[in-house]
Amino acid sequence: MCKILVVDDDKDLSFIICEMLESYGYRATAADSSEKAFELLKENKYHLVLLDINLPEITGFELCRELRRASNVPVIFASARTSESDRIESFDIGGDDYIPKPYSMQELLSRVKALIRRAYGSAEERIIEFGNVRVNISTRTVTKNGGKVSLSLREFDLLSYLCENKNAAIPKEKLISEVWGAFSEVEASTLTVHIRWLREKLEDEPANPKFIKTVFKVGYMLEV
């Protein structure tokens, strides 16, 4: 299930947006300030951020700049500020789309669907197989030798990210940012433990892994 963070100081509007998104199968969370948004981004992984420009403390532009230093999560700016200069700046700093207020819920939904589709692929089942392991990213299920493998939320998120970037060496910092959150303070040792748990559950020889490889002085890679 895709998780969406709605950042807007208009609490009533955020509530309506979250209700609409959840009615279409998304998991939506609201933040009414940049400070709250930073807290949520630090603790959670989101698939998309809907971001207002006029926020308390710092602007949505500043929040996006900070976010882009740690994450490539898709960002849609939604704002009553509709000047050409604002639109241009939103794209220059890393925004992916811009929708002017007021907008209809159907237009917003269409833009959300389109951006998620571009960023993560179609809604069709995404399945990765290696050895005797089968990972269904769409349904968040894993089997080994036909039997179900039970993974925690973080274990699956980590495995999913490795699957979607298979055969590529991924730095530890990147894995922590993408799996635990853009501003997470999780230590590298936590990542190491989760990698060990995945190996114990998925590899035939966890001490001599065939698929979940350590890349010296870089991080980890799923080799398939």
Foldseek 3Di string as FASTA:
>chain_A
DAEEEEEALPVVVQVVLQVVVVVVPYHYDYDNALVRVLVDQQAAAGQEYEAEQDHPPHGSLVSLLLLVVQDLRAYEYEYQDDDPVVVVSCVVSRHDYYHYPPDDSVVVVVVVQVVSCVVPNDLPWDWDDDDQKIATLNVLWIDGVRHTFDDDQLLSQLVVVQRVVAPDQAALSNSCCNRRGRNYPDDSVVVVVSLLVCLVRHAPDSVDRDAFDADPPGGTHGYD
